[in-house]
N, C-alpha and C. Protein backbone atom coordinates (compact mmCIF):
# COMPACT_ATOMS: atom_id res chain seq x y z
N UNK A 1 -75.93 25.10 -18.39
CA UNK A 1 -75.65 24.40 -16.75
C UNK A 1 -75.52 25.80 -15.55
N UNK A 2 -75.86 25.62 -14.70
CA UNK A 2 -75.42 26.96 -13.71
C UNK A 2 -74.14 26.77 -13.01
N UNK A 3 -73.48 27.88 -12.99
CA UNK A 3 -72.07 27.89 -12.33
C UNK A 3 -72.29 27.21 -10.95
N UNK A 4 -73.38 27.36 -10.17
CA UNK A 4 -73.73 26.89 -8.84
C UNK A 4 -73.88 25.40 -8.87
N UNK A 5 -74.50 24.85 -9.87
CA UNK A 5 -74.76 23.11 -10.09
C UNK A 5 -73.38 22.59 -10.05
N UNK A 6 -72.44 23.12 -11.33
CA UNK A 6 -71.34 22.85 -11.36
C UNK A 6 -70.22 22.62 -10.49
N UNK A 7 -70.49 23.81 -9.53
CA UNK A 7 -69.54 24.06 -8.24
C UNK A 7 -69.95 22.91 -7.31
N UNK A 8 -71.22 22.85 -6.82
CA UNK A 8 -71.51 21.57 -6.01
C UNK A 8 -71.38 20.63 -6.42
N UNK A 9 -71.19 20.12 -7.44
CA UNK A 9 -71.24 18.80 -8.10
C UNK A 9 -69.71 18.64 -7.93
N UNK A 10 -68.78 19.36 -8.58
CA UNK A 10 -67.52 19.41 -8.04
C UNK A 10 -66.97 19.02 -6.78
N UNK A 11 -67.63 19.82 -5.99
CA UNK A 11 -67.35 19.88 -4.43
C UNK A 11 -67.90 18.30 -4.14
N UNK A 12 -69.21 17.81 -4.38
CA UNK A 12 -69.29 16.48 -4.00
C UNK A 12 -68.61 15.50 -4.62
N UNK A 13 -68.00 15.46 -6.01
CA UNK A 13 -67.16 14.40 -6.37
C UNK A 13 -66.09 14.50 -5.38
N UNK A 14 -65.18 15.76 -5.24
CA UNK A 14 -64.02 15.54 -4.30
C UNK A 14 -64.46 14.97 -3.37
N UNK A 15 -65.64 14.86 -2.50
CA UNK A 15 -65.95 14.12 -1.40
C UNK A 15 -65.84 12.97 -1.20
N UNK A 16 -66.48 12.86 -2.41
CA UNK A 16 -66.79 11.49 -2.73
C UNK A 16 -65.43 10.74 -2.78
N UNK A 17 -64.48 11.07 -3.79
CA UNK A 17 -62.98 10.57 -3.93
C UNK A 17 -62.05 10.80 -2.71
N UNK A 18 -62.41 11.82 -2.17
CA UNK A 18 -61.60 11.80 -0.73
C UNK A 18 -61.99 11.12 0.01
N UNK A 19 -63.26 10.20 0.51
CA UNK A 19 -63.41 9.67 1.29
C UNK A 19 -62.89 8.29 1.72
N UNK A 20 -62.51 7.67 0.37
CA UNK A 20 -61.75 6.18 0.81
C UNK A 20 -60.43 6.67 1.25
N UNK A 21 -59.65 7.65 0.77
CA UNK A 21 -58.50 7.86 1.69
C UNK A 21 -58.60 7.91 3.11
N UNK A 22 -59.67 8.60 3.39
CA UNK A 22 -59.63 8.67 5.13
C UNK A 22 -59.68 7.62 5.84
N UNK A 23 -60.04 6.57 4.91
CA UNK A 23 -60.81 5.45 5.69
C UNK A 23 -59.31 4.43 5.30
N UNK A 24 -58.61 4.83 4.50
CA UNK A 24 -57.41 3.63 4.27
C UNK A 24 -56.51 3.13 5.33
N UNK A 25 -56.28 2.08 5.83
CA UNK A 25 -56.00 1.65 6.59
C UNK A 25 -54.22 1.34 6.69
N UNK A 26 -53.75 1.64 5.72
CA UNK A 26 -52.33 1.57 5.58
C UNK A 26 -51.78 3.19 5.59
N UNK A 27 -52.92 4.18 4.95
CA UNK A 27 -52.60 5.82 5.59
C UNK A 27 -52.46 5.88 7.12
N UNK A 28 -53.49 5.01 7.65
CA UNK A 28 -53.65 5.16 9.30
C UNK A 28 -52.41 4.70 9.75
N UNK A 29 -52.18 3.67 9.53
CA UNK A 29 -50.65 2.94 9.79
C UNK A 29 -49.66 3.80 9.69
N UNK A 30 -49.19 4.02 8.62
CA UNK A 30 -48.25 4.96 8.34
C UNK A 30 -48.18 6.38 9.10
N UNK A 31 -49.04 6.59 9.41
CA UNK A 31 -49.42 8.23 10.02
C UNK A 31 -49.25 8.02 11.48
N UNK A 32 -50.04 7.16 11.86
CA UNK A 32 -49.99 6.95 13.41
C UNK A 32 -48.77 6.10 14.29
N UNK A 33 -48.50 5.03 13.34
CA UNK A 33 -47.64 3.97 13.90
C UNK A 33 -48.68 2.89 14.26
N UNK A 34 -47.85 1.96 14.98
CA UNK A 34 -48.73 0.80 15.15
C UNK A 34 -48.14 0.09 16.81
N UNK A 35 -49.01 -0.49 17.42
CA UNK A 35 -48.16 -1.44 18.32
C UNK A 35 -48.41 -3.02 17.77
N UNK A 36 -47.16 -3.69 17.92
CA UNK A 36 -47.48 -5.37 17.74
C UNK A 36 -47.39 -6.01 18.98
N UNK A 37 -48.43 -6.78 19.29
CA UNK A 37 -48.43 -7.58 20.58
C UNK A 37 -48.02 -8.80 20.38
N UNK A 38 -46.60 -9.56 20.43
CA UNK A 38 -46.18 -10.66 20.56
C UNK A 38 -45.90 -11.43 21.62
N UNK A 39 -46.96 -12.29 22.00
CA UNK A 39 -47.18 -12.99 23.51
C UNK A 39 -47.37 -11.76 24.59
N UNK A 40 -46.72 -11.51 25.59
CA UNK A 40 -46.84 -10.57 26.41
C UNK A 40 -45.86 -9.38 26.43
N UNK A 41 -45.38 -9.43 25.10
CA UNK A 41 -44.50 -8.03 24.79
C UNK A 41 -45.43 -7.30 23.80
N UNK A 42 -45.26 -5.88 24.02
CA UNK A 42 -45.94 -5.24 22.94
C UNK A 42 -44.76 -4.44 22.17
N UNK A 43 -44.53 -4.42 20.91
CA UNK A 43 -43.67 -3.39 20.41
C UNK A 43 -44.20 -2.46 19.28
N UNK A 44 -44.05 -1.05 19.88
CA UNK A 44 -44.16 0.36 19.12
C UNK A 44 -43.50 0.55 18.02
N UNK A 45 -44.12 0.59 17.12
CA UNK A 45 -43.50 0.74 15.52
C UNK A 45 -43.87 2.24 15.03
N UNK A 46 -42.85 3.07 14.56
CA UNK A 46 -43.24 4.10 14.13
C UNK A 46 -43.00 4.34 12.49
N UNK A 47 -43.34 5.01 12.00
CA UNK A 47 -43.35 5.46 10.39
C UNK A 47 -42.97 6.89 10.24
N UNK A 48 -42.30 7.11 9.18
CA UNK A 48 -41.93 8.36 8.87
C UNK A 48 -42.48 8.92 7.53
N UNK A 49 -42.68 9.91 7.19
CA UNK A 49 -43.19 10.11 5.89
C UNK A 49 -42.01 10.30 4.59
N UNK A 50 -40.62 10.05 5.03
CA UNK A 50 -39.64 9.68 4.15
C UNK A 50 -39.18 8.29 4.04
N UNK A 51 -40.26 7.54 4.42
CA UNK A 51 -40.32 6.02 4.28
C UNK A 51 -39.65 5.16 5.20
N UNK A 52 -39.28 5.81 6.59
CA UNK A 52 -38.35 5.21 7.14
C UNK A 52 -39.17 4.75 8.56
N UNK A 53 -38.80 3.31 9.06
CA UNK A 53 -39.16 3.06 10.23
C UNK A 53 -38.43 2.67 11.44
N UNK A 54 -38.92 2.80 12.80
CA UNK A 54 -38.34 2.24 13.83
C UNK A 54 -39.12 1.28 14.82
N UNK A 55 -38.27 0.78 15.57
CA UNK A 55 -39.12 0.03 16.85
C UNK A 55 -38.16 -0.14 17.60
N UNK A 56 -38.76 -0.81 18.89
CA UNK A 56 -37.74 -1.03 20.01
C UNK A 56 -36.75 -0.21 20.48
N UNK A 57 -37.36 1.16 20.37
CA UNK A 57 -36.21 2.60 20.72
C UNK A 57 -35.20 2.49 20.16
N UNK A 58 -35.75 2.30 18.79
CA UNK A 58 -34.56 2.80 17.87
C UNK A 58 -33.34 1.35 17.13
N UNK A 59 -33.66 0.41 17.91
CA UNK A 59 -33.03 -1.16 18.32
C UNK A 59 -33.05 -1.58 16.61
N UNK A 60 -34.50 -1.31 16.25
CA UNK A 60 -35.05 -2.06 14.86
C UNK A 60 -35.13 -0.80 14.37
N UNK A 61 -34.58 -0.86 12.75
CA UNK A 61 -34.72 0.42 11.90
C UNK A 61 -35.06 0.00 10.31
N UNK A 62 -35.55 0.54 9.48
CA UNK A 62 -35.78 -0.03 8.23
C UNK A 62 -36.45 0.71 7.06
N UNK A 63 -37.15 0.65 6.50
CA UNK A 63 -38.05 1.34 5.55
C UNK A 63 -39.30 0.87 5.18
N UNK A 64 -40.05 1.40 4.49
CA UNK A 64 -41.35 0.94 4.07
C UNK A 64 -41.72 1.18 2.72
N UNK A 65 -42.78 0.77 2.25
CA UNK A 65 -43.32 1.05 1.08
C UNK A 65 -44.85 0.65 0.90
N UNK A 66 -45.88 1.30 0.40
CA UNK A 66 -46.98 0.51 -0.03
C UNK A 66 -47.07 -0.21 -1.12
N UNK A 67 -47.65 -1.31 -1.24
CA UNK A 67 -48.01 -2.00 -2.72
C UNK A 67 -49.59 -2.66 -2.52
N UNK A 68 -50.60 -1.49 -2.79
CA UNK A 68 -51.91 -1.97 -3.07
C UNK A 68 -52.11 -1.97 -1.85
N UNK A 69 -52.83 -3.50 -1.10
CA UNK A 69 -53.48 -2.96 0.45
C UNK A 69 -52.01 -3.88 1.02
N UNK A 70 -50.80 -3.81 0.67
CA UNK A 70 -49.69 -4.52 1.48
C UNK A 70 -49.15 -3.48 2.02
N UNK A 71 -48.66 -3.49 3.23
CA UNK A 71 -47.31 -2.61 3.61
C UNK A 71 -46.07 -3.75 3.66
N UNK A 72 -45.07 -3.16 2.93
CA UNK A 72 -43.98 -3.62 2.76
C UNK A 72 -42.63 -3.06 3.52
N UNK A 73 -41.68 -4.08 4.11
CA UNK A 73 -41.08 -3.36 4.98
C UNK A 73 -39.52 -4.12 5.02
N UNK A 74 -38.45 -3.64 5.04
CA UNK A 74 -37.33 -4.38 5.66
C UNK A 74 -36.66 -3.74 6.63
N UNK A 75 -35.99 -4.09 7.34
CA UNK A 75 -35.07 -3.69 8.26
C UNK A 75 -33.79 -4.45 8.90
N UNK A 76 -33.01 -3.41 9.60
CA UNK A 76 -31.70 -3.86 10.12
C UNK A 76 -31.85 -5.41 10.75
N UNK A 77 -32.84 -5.83 11.18
CA UNK A 77 -32.77 -7.09 11.43
C UNK A 77 -33.41 -8.28 10.58
N UNK A 78 -34.09 -7.69 9.33
CA UNK A 78 -34.47 -8.51 8.55
C UNK A 78 -34.21 -7.73 7.10
N UNK A 79 -33.17 -7.79 6.36
CA UNK A 79 -32.95 -6.83 5.22
C UNK A 79 -33.80 -7.30 4.18
N UNK A 80 -34.54 -8.70 3.88
CA UNK A 80 -35.32 -9.44 2.90
C UNK A 80 -36.46 -8.61 3.17
N UNK A 81 -36.92 -7.95 2.04
CA UNK A 81 -38.22 -7.12 1.96
C UNK A 81 -39.41 -8.24 2.23
N UNK A 82 -40.33 -7.82 2.81
CA UNK A 82 -41.85 -8.71 3.54
C UNK A 82 -42.80 -7.65 3.36
N UNK A 83 -43.88 -8.30 2.91
CA UNK A 83 -45.19 -7.80 2.69
C UNK A 83 -46.50 -8.50 3.27
N UNK A 84 -47.08 -7.97 3.84
CA UNK A 84 -48.43 -8.15 4.20
C UNK A 84 -49.78 -7.46 4.24
N UNK A 85 -50.58 -7.73 3.74
CA UNK A 85 -51.89 -7.52 3.53
C UNK A 85 -52.66 -6.92 4.68
N UNK A 86 -53.09 -6.00 4.73
CA UNK A 86 -53.89 -5.41 5.81
C UNK A 86 -55.59 -5.26 5.58
N UNK A 87 -55.91 -5.16 6.57
CA UNK A 87 -57.52 -5.35 6.49
C UNK A 87 -57.75 -3.80 6.37
N UNK A 88 -59.22 -3.79 5.09
CA UNK A 88 -59.88 -2.49 4.87
C UNK A 88 -60.19 -1.62 5.97
N UNK A 89 -60.65 -0.28 5.76
CA UNK A 89 -61.19 0.47 6.40
C UNK A 89 -60.83 0.86 7.91
N UNK A 90 -59.47 0.09 8.45
CA UNK A 90 -59.54 0.44 9.66
C UNK A 90 -58.82 1.95 10.27
N UNK A 91 -58.86 2.54 11.27
CA UNK A 91 -58.47 3.60 11.83
C UNK A 91 -57.88 3.46 13.25
N UNK A 92 -57.36 4.59 13.50
CA UNK A 92 -56.64 4.96 14.49
C UNK A 92 -57.16 4.21 15.96
N UNK A 93 -56.89 3.18 16.34
CA UNK A 93 -57.24 2.87 17.87
C UNK A 93 -57.96 1.45 17.51
N UNK A 94 -58.07 1.29 16.42
CA UNK A 94 -58.50 -0.08 15.93
C UNK A 94 -57.67 -1.33 15.90
N UNK A 95 -58.01 -2.37 16.27
CA UNK A 95 -57.12 -3.80 16.46
C UNK A 95 -57.71 -4.80 15.53
N UNK A 96 -56.53 -5.67 15.35
CA UNK A 96 -56.66 -6.56 14.01
C UNK A 96 -55.71 -7.77 14.08
N UNK A 97 -55.91 -8.82 13.51
CA UNK A 97 -54.87 -9.41 13.41
C UNK A 97 -54.08 -9.76 12.16
N UNK A 98 -52.74 -9.96 12.13
CA UNK A 98 -52.09 -10.42 10.58
C UNK A 98 -51.34 -11.82 10.61
N UNK A 99 -51.87 -12.20 9.82
CA UNK A 99 -51.50 -14.07 9.95
C UNK A 99 -50.19 -13.71 8.84
N UNK A 100 -49.14 -14.01 9.43
CA UNK A 100 -47.52 -14.11 9.25
C UNK A 100 -47.08 -15.40 9.05
N UNK A 101 -46.12 -15.98 8.58
CA UNK A 101 -45.41 -17.21 8.51
C UNK A 101 -44.89 -17.77 9.35
N UNK A 102 -44.96 -16.64 10.66
CA UNK A 102 -44.41 -17.17 12.28
C UNK A 102 -45.85 -17.26 12.82
N UNK A 103 -46.81 -17.05 12.66
CA UNK A 103 -47.99 -16.73 13.01
C UNK A 103 -49.00 -15.88 13.30
N UNK A 104 -49.85 -15.61 13.88
CA UNK A 104 -50.94 -14.50 13.95
C UNK A 104 -50.20 -13.47 14.96
N UNK A 105 -50.48 -11.92 14.53
CA UNK A 105 -50.05 -10.95 15.25
C UNK A 105 -51.03 -9.76 15.65
N UNK A 106 -51.36 -9.85 16.96
CA UNK A 106 -51.96 -8.62 17.08
C UNK A 106 -51.86 -7.38 16.77
N UNK A 107 -52.64 -6.52 15.78
CA UNK A 107 -52.01 -5.28 15.86
C UNK A 107 -52.72 -3.98 16.43
N UNK A 108 -52.40 -3.15 16.60
CA UNK A 108 -53.34 -1.74 17.03
C UNK A 108 -52.91 -0.47 16.19
N UNK A 109 -53.35 0.12 15.85
CA UNK A 109 -53.08 1.32 15.30
C UNK A 109 -52.68 2.08 16.07
N UNK A 110 -51.99 3.01 16.56
CA UNK A 110 -51.86 4.17 17.58
C UNK A 110 -52.54 5.36 17.27
């Protein structure tokens, strides 16, 4: 097998493996943050790489983790961890609806 063929195959496999990570909704959410729309109120939520979150100008603080297709959070407002499944293949600028026990919430990835 030629060295060129092996190198090109390795590059292609790297691109194939890397592509899903680029489209991963939760990576986009935790990298860019989100805006939650509840009625006529928009809530800006930011996430940091050290798994901390903040919203409402720092009035809400907490932690986050990813569990498969779910984003799990806890905060000073609700210390109980809650996890919600997010849709696949969303990116910055996309909008979608999350169903929660308290009703549907409109989400936009910043």
